Amino acid sequence: MDPTKPKYWFPAKKYGWGWGPPICWQGWLVMIIWIMLLTAGGIFIMPATAKFIAYAIFMCLPLSLICYLKGEPPRWRWGKD
């Protein structure tokens, strides 16, 4: 492994903008915790649909921030570089 190359938790998607599935255990841990929190919110908040939608949007903010900080720099991609 090259020590000068940064270690990303989330690789860039091959097509489009954004990040793909995690590539290391830290990324998988973030995703598992995020899914558990979203599921818990669904169980406890779901009868109030508008509140759950607000909760889901709120939950996307920290996930997006973590992906931005620990993932490859986002840019539009269309296949191989």
Protein backbone atom coordinates (compact mmCIF):
# COMPACT_ATOMS: atom_id res chain seq x y z
CA MET A 1 0.00 0.00 0.00
CA ASP A 2 1.33 3.42 -0.95
CA PRO A 3 1.70 5.59 2.19
CA THR A 4 1.36 8.83 0.18
CA LYS A 5 -2.01 7.84 -1.25
CA PRO A 6 -4.92 8.85 1.01
CA LYS A 7 -7.07 6.04 2.42
CA TYR A 8 -10.68 6.62 1.43
CA TRP A 9 -13.62 5.00 3.19
CA PHE A 10 -15.99 5.60 0.26
CA PRO A 11 -14.83 5.39 -3.37
CA ALA A 12 -16.26 7.60 -6.07
CA LYS A 13 -18.95 6.06 -8.22
CA LYS A 14 -17.82 4.91 -11.64
CA TYR A 15 -20.75 6.66 -13.33
CA GLY A 16 -22.36 9.86 -12.13
CA TRP A 17 -21.63 12.02 -9.09
CA GLY A 18 -21.18 10.81 -5.54
CA TRP A 19 -19.85 7.81 -3.68
CA GLY A 20 -20.27 4.08 -3.93
CA PRO A 21 -20.39 1.41 -1.23
CA PRO A 22 -17.71 1.49 1.49
CA ILE A 23 -14.34 -0.15 0.83
CA CYS A 24 -13.02 -0.47 4.39
CA TRP A 25 -14.34 -1.48 7.80
CA GLN A 26 -14.68 2.13 8.99
CA GLY A 27 -17.01 2.92 6.10
CA TRP A 28 -19.05 -0.22 6.73
CA LEU A 29 -19.32 0.69 10.42
CA VAL A 30 -20.64 4.15 9.50
CA MET A 31 -23.19 2.61 7.14
CA ILE A 32 -24.36 -0.01 9.68
CA ILE A 33 -24.82 2.61 12.41
CA TRP A 34 -26.62 4.91 9.97
CA ILE A 35 -28.99 2.15 8.86
CA MET A 36 -29.68 1.18 12.48
CA LEU A 37 -30.51 4.78 13.43
CA LEU A 38 -32.73 5.22 10.37
CA THR A 39 -34.52 1.94 11.14
CA ALA A 40 -35.01 2.95 14.78
CA GLY A 41 -36.45 6.24 13.61
CA GLY A 42 -38.78 4.35 11.30
CA ILE A 43 -40.00 2.17 14.15
CA PHE A 44 -40.58 5.00 16.63
CA ILE A 45 -41.49 7.92 14.37
CA MET A 46 -43.19 6.27 11.37
CA PRO A 47 -46.81 6.84 12.49
CA ALA A 48 -46.05 10.54 12.03
CA THR A 49 -45.03 10.41 8.37
CA ALA A 50 -43.98 14.08 8.08
CA LYS A 51 -41.76 13.75 11.14
CA PHE A 52 -40.13 10.62 9.72
CA ILE A 53 -39.42 12.36 6.41
CA ALA A 54 -37.80 15.25 8.30
CA TYR A 55 -35.80 12.74 10.38
CA ALA A 56 -34.64 10.89 7.24
CA ILE A 57 -33.51 14.14 5.61
CA PHE A 58 -31.74 15.12 8.83
CA MET A 59 -30.00 11.71 8.92
CA CYS A 60 -28.72 12.19 5.36
CA LEU A 61 -26.82 15.34 6.35
CA PRO A 62 -24.22 13.70 8.65
CA LEU A 63 -23.84 10.74 6.26
CA SER A 64 -23.17 13.12 3.37
CA LEU A 65 -20.67 15.05 5.47
CA ILE A 66 -18.80 11.87 6.43
CA CYS A 67 -18.75 10.73 2.80
CA TYR A 68 -17.45 14.15 1.74
CA LEU A 69 -14.70 14.16 4.37
CA LYS A 70 -13.66 10.49 4.13
CA GLY A 71 -14.50 9.70 0.51
CA GLU A 72 -12.83 10.41 -2.80
CA PRO A 73 -13.35 13.98 -3.99
CA PRO A 74 -16.72 14.16 -5.72
CA ARG A 75 -16.92 15.04 -9.39
CA TRP A 76 -18.89 13.94 -12.41
CA ARG A 77 -17.56 10.64 -13.79
CA TRP A 78 -18.50 8.69 -16.83
CA GLY A 79 -16.67 5.37 -16.89
CA LYS A 80 -12.93 4.96 -16.76
CA ASP A 81 -10.76 8.01 -16.14
